[in-house]
Amino acid sequence: MTQQHLKPEQIAARAYQLYLERGRTHGHDFDDWLQAEYELMQLPVRKLAELEPPPVPQGKTRSRSIIELVQTAML
């Protein structure tokens, strides 16, 4: 599995959004940066959770797909 490489500009843009959402309260820049980084790293997992599990081919036994496992973990 490949690791997503975030650009500092992406993190900074989301951190700024968090700053604005909090009412421009100063003193939380590091917290905003870490929160933004975390949220952006989680985007692929959230997209995976939105997918439908693949159909089970005829003659195969049903096992849980990665999509179902992610959906369960997101509950």
N, C-alpha and C. Protein backbone atom coordinates (compact mmCIF):
# COMPACT_ATOMS: atom_id res chain seq x y z
N MET A 1 0.85 -1.18 0.00
CA MET A 1 0.00 0.00 0.00
C MET A 1 0.90 1.24 0.00
N THR A 2 0.57 2.19 -0.81
CA THR A 2 1.38 3.41 -0.88
C THR A 2 0.93 4.41 0.17
N GLN A 3 1.89 5.18 0.64
CA GLN A 3 1.58 6.20 1.63
C GLN A 3 1.32 7.51 0.90
N GLN A 4 0.29 8.22 1.33
CA GLN A 4 -0.05 9.48 0.71
C GLN A 4 0.93 10.55 1.20
N HIS A 5 1.49 11.29 0.27
CA HIS A 5 2.40 12.37 0.62
C HIS A 5 1.65 13.68 0.51
N LEU A 6 1.47 14.33 1.63
CA LEU A 6 0.74 15.59 1.66
C LEU A 6 1.69 16.74 1.42
N LYS A 7 1.22 17.72 0.68
CA LYS A 7 2.01 18.93 0.46
C LYS A 7 1.74 19.91 1.59
N PRO A 8 2.77 20.62 2.02
CA PRO A 8 2.57 21.61 3.08
C PRO A 8 1.47 22.62 2.75
N GLU A 9 1.30 22.94 1.47
CA GLU A 9 0.27 23.88 1.07
C GLU A 9 -1.13 23.34 1.35
N GLN A 10 -1.32 22.02 1.17
CA GLN A 10 -2.60 21.39 1.44
C GLN A 10 -2.91 21.46 2.95
N ILE A 11 -1.91 21.14 3.73
CA ILE A 11 -2.09 21.16 5.19
C ILE A 11 -2.36 22.59 5.66
N ALA A 12 -1.60 23.53 5.14
CA ALA A 12 -1.76 24.93 5.54
C ALA A 12 -3.16 25.45 5.20
N ALA A 13 -3.67 25.07 4.03
CA ALA A 13 -5.00 25.53 3.62
C ALA A 13 -6.08 24.98 4.56
N ARG A 14 -5.98 23.71 4.92
CA ARG A 14 -6.97 23.14 5.84
C ARG A 14 -6.80 23.72 7.25
N ALA A 15 -5.56 23.91 7.68
CA ALA A 15 -5.31 24.51 9.00
C ALA A 15 -5.91 25.91 9.07
N TYR A 16 -5.82 26.65 7.98
CA TYR A 16 -6.41 27.99 7.94
C TYR A 16 -7.94 27.91 8.04
N GLN A 17 -8.53 26.92 7.37
CA GLN A 17 -9.98 26.73 7.47
C GLN A 17 -10.38 26.45 8.92
N LEU A 18 -9.61 25.63 9.60
CA LEU A 18 -9.90 25.33 11.01
C LEU A 18 -9.81 26.59 11.86
N TYR A 19 -8.80 27.41 11.58
CA TYR A 19 -8.62 28.69 12.28
C TYR A 19 -9.85 29.58 12.09
N LEU A 20 -10.33 29.66 10.86
CA LEU A 20 -11.51 30.47 10.57
C LEU A 20 -12.76 29.90 11.24
N GLU A 21 -12.91 28.58 11.20
CA GLU A 21 -14.07 27.93 11.81
C GLU A 21 -14.12 28.16 13.32
N ARG A 22 -12.97 28.33 13.94
CA ARG A 22 -12.90 28.55 15.38
C ARG A 22 -13.09 30.02 15.72
N GLY A 23 -13.32 30.85 14.74
CA GLY A 23 -13.54 32.27 14.99
C GLY A 23 -12.26 33.08 15.08
N ARG A 24 -11.23 32.63 14.37
CA ARG A 24 -9.94 33.33 14.31
C ARG A 24 -9.29 33.51 15.67
N THR A 25 -9.46 32.51 16.52
CA THR A 25 -8.83 32.53 17.83
C THR A 25 -7.36 32.17 17.68
N HIS A 26 -6.48 33.03 18.18
CA HIS A 26 -5.04 32.81 18.06
C HIS A 26 -4.54 31.81 19.10
N GLY A 27 -3.36 31.27 18.83
CA GLY A 27 -2.70 30.39 19.78
C GLY A 27 -2.94 28.92 19.57
N HIS A 28 -3.57 28.55 18.45
CA HIS A 28 -3.86 27.14 18.18
C HIS A 28 -3.25 26.69 16.85
N ASP A 29 -2.24 27.39 16.39
CA ASP A 29 -1.68 27.09 15.07
C ASP A 29 -1.12 25.67 14.99
N PHE A 30 -0.42 25.22 16.01
CA PHE A 30 0.13 23.87 15.99
C PHE A 30 -0.98 22.82 16.02
N ASP A 31 -1.99 23.05 16.88
CA ASP A 31 -3.14 22.15 16.94
C ASP A 31 -3.86 22.08 15.60
N ASP A 32 -4.04 23.24 14.97
CA ASP A 32 -4.71 23.29 13.67
C ASP A 32 -3.91 22.52 12.62
N TRP A 33 -2.60 22.68 12.65
CA TRP A 33 -1.73 22.00 11.68
C TRP A 33 -1.86 20.48 11.83
N LEU A 34 -1.77 20.01 13.06
CA LEU A 34 -1.86 18.56 13.31
C LEU A 34 -3.24 18.02 12.95
N GLN A 35 -4.28 18.77 13.28
CA GLN A 35 -5.64 18.34 12.94
C GLN A 35 -5.82 18.29 11.42
N ALA A 36 -5.33 19.30 10.73
CA ALA A 36 -5.43 19.33 9.27
C ALA A 36 -4.68 18.16 8.64
N GLU A 37 -3.50 17.89 9.13
CA GLU A 37 -2.70 16.78 8.62
C GLU A 37 -3.43 15.45 8.83
N TYR A 38 -3.99 15.27 10.01
CA TYR A 38 -4.73 14.05 10.32
C TYR A 38 -5.94 13.89 9.40
N GLU A 39 -6.72 14.95 9.25
CA GLU A 39 -7.92 14.88 8.41
C GLU A 39 -7.57 14.54 6.97
N LEU A 40 -6.54 15.16 6.45
CA LEU A 40 -6.16 14.92 5.06
C LEU A 40 -5.62 13.50 4.86
N MET A 41 -4.95 12.97 5.86
CA MET A 41 -4.45 11.60 5.76
C MET A 41 -5.59 10.59 5.81
N GLN A 42 -6.71 10.95 6.44
CA GLN A 42 -7.85 10.05 6.57
C GLN A 42 -8.77 10.06 5.36
N LEU A 43 -8.61 11.00 4.45
CA LEU A 43 -9.52 11.09 3.30
C LEU A 43 -9.61 9.80 2.50
N PRO A 44 -8.49 9.12 2.18
CA PRO A 44 -8.64 7.87 1.42
C PRO A 44 -9.46 6.82 2.15
N VAL A 45 -9.35 6.75 3.47
CA VAL A 45 -10.11 5.78 4.26
C VAL A 45 -11.60 6.13 4.20
N ARG A 46 -11.92 7.41 4.30
CA ARG A 46 -13.33 7.82 4.23
C ARG A 46 -13.93 7.50 2.87
N LYS A 47 -13.15 7.71 1.80
CA LYS A 47 -13.64 7.40 0.45
C LYS A 47 -13.87 5.90 0.30
N LEU A 48 -12.99 5.11 0.87
CA LEU A 48 -13.14 3.66 0.82
C LEU A 48 -14.40 3.23 1.55
N ALA A 49 -14.70 3.87 2.66
CA ALA A 49 -15.89 3.52 3.45
C ALA A 49 -17.18 3.84 2.70
N GLU A 50 -17.13 4.74 1.73
CA GLU A 50 -18.32 5.11 0.97
C GLU A 50 -18.62 4.13 -0.17
N LEU A 51 -17.68 3.27 -0.50
CA LEU A 51 -17.86 2.34 -1.62
C LEU A 51 -18.76 1.18 -1.23
N GLU A 52 -19.33 0.54 -2.23
CA GLU A 52 -20.13 -0.66 -2.02
C GLU A 52 -19.19 -1.87 -2.09
N PRO A 53 -19.41 -2.85 -1.22
CA PRO A 53 -18.59 -4.07 -1.29
C PRO A 53 -18.78 -4.77 -2.64
N PRO A 54 -17.75 -5.43 -3.12
CA PRO A 54 -17.88 -6.13 -4.41
C PRO A 54 -18.81 -7.33 -4.29
N PRO A 55 -19.46 -7.70 -5.40
CA PRO A 55 -20.35 -8.86 -5.35
C PRO A 55 -19.53 -10.14 -5.17
N VAL A 56 -20.15 -11.14 -4.57
CA VAL A 56 -19.50 -12.43 -4.36
C VAL A 56 -19.69 -13.28 -5.61
N PRO A 57 -18.60 -13.74 -6.23
CA PRO A 57 -18.76 -14.61 -7.40
C PRO A 57 -19.47 -15.91 -7.05
N GLN A 58 -20.22 -16.44 -8.01
CA GLN A 58 -20.94 -17.69 -7.79
C GLN A 58 -19.96 -18.80 -7.45
N GLY A 59 -20.32 -19.59 -6.47
CA GLY A 59 -19.49 -20.72 -6.08
C GLY A 59 -18.44 -20.37 -5.03
N LYS A 60 -18.32 -19.11 -4.70
CA LYS A 60 -17.35 -18.68 -3.68
C LYS A 60 -18.07 -18.46 -2.36
N THR A 61 -17.36 -18.68 -1.27
CA THR A 61 -17.95 -18.40 0.04
C THR A 61 -17.76 -16.92 0.34
N ARG A 62 -18.69 -16.42 1.11
CA ARG A 62 -18.68 -14.99 1.46
C ARG A 62 -17.63 -14.73 2.53
N SER A 63 -16.72 -13.80 2.25
CA SER A 63 -15.78 -13.32 3.26
C SER A 63 -15.87 -11.80 3.25
N ARG A 64 -15.44 -11.20 4.33
CA ARG A 64 -15.56 -9.74 4.44
C ARG A 64 -14.52 -9.06 3.56
N SER A 65 -14.96 -8.09 2.80
CA SER A 65 -14.05 -7.33 1.96
C SER A 65 -13.39 -6.23 2.78
N ILE A 66 -12.34 -5.66 2.25
CA ILE A 66 -11.67 -4.54 2.93
C ILE A 66 -12.64 -3.37 3.10
N ILE A 67 -13.53 -3.20 2.16
CA ILE A 67 -14.52 -2.12 2.25
C ILE A 67 -15.43 -2.33 3.46
N GLU A 68 -15.89 -3.56 3.65
CA GLU A 68 -16.74 -3.84 4.80
C GLU A 68 -15.98 -3.67 6.12
N LEU A 69 -14.72 -4.04 6.14
CA LEU A 69 -13.92 -3.88 7.35
C LEU A 69 -13.73 -2.40 7.68
N VAL A 70 -13.48 -1.58 6.66
CA VAL A 70 -13.32 -0.14 6.89
C VAL A 70 -14.64 0.47 7.36
N GLN A 71 -15.73 0.06 6.73
CA GLN A 71 -17.04 0.59 7.13
C GLN A 71 -17.35 0.25 8.58
N THR A 72 -17.02 -0.96 8.99
CA THR A 72 -17.24 -1.37 10.38
C THR A 72 -16.37 -0.54 11.32
N ALA A 73 -15.15 -0.31 10.95
CA ALA A 73 -14.23 0.47 11.79
C ALA A 73 -14.66 1.93 11.91
N MET A 74 -15.36 2.44 10.90
CA MET A 74 -15.77 3.85 10.91
C MET A 74 -17.01 4.08 11.75
N LEU A 75 -17.69 3.02 12.19
CA LEU A 75 -18.91 3.18 12.99
C LEU A 75 -18.62 3.70 14.36
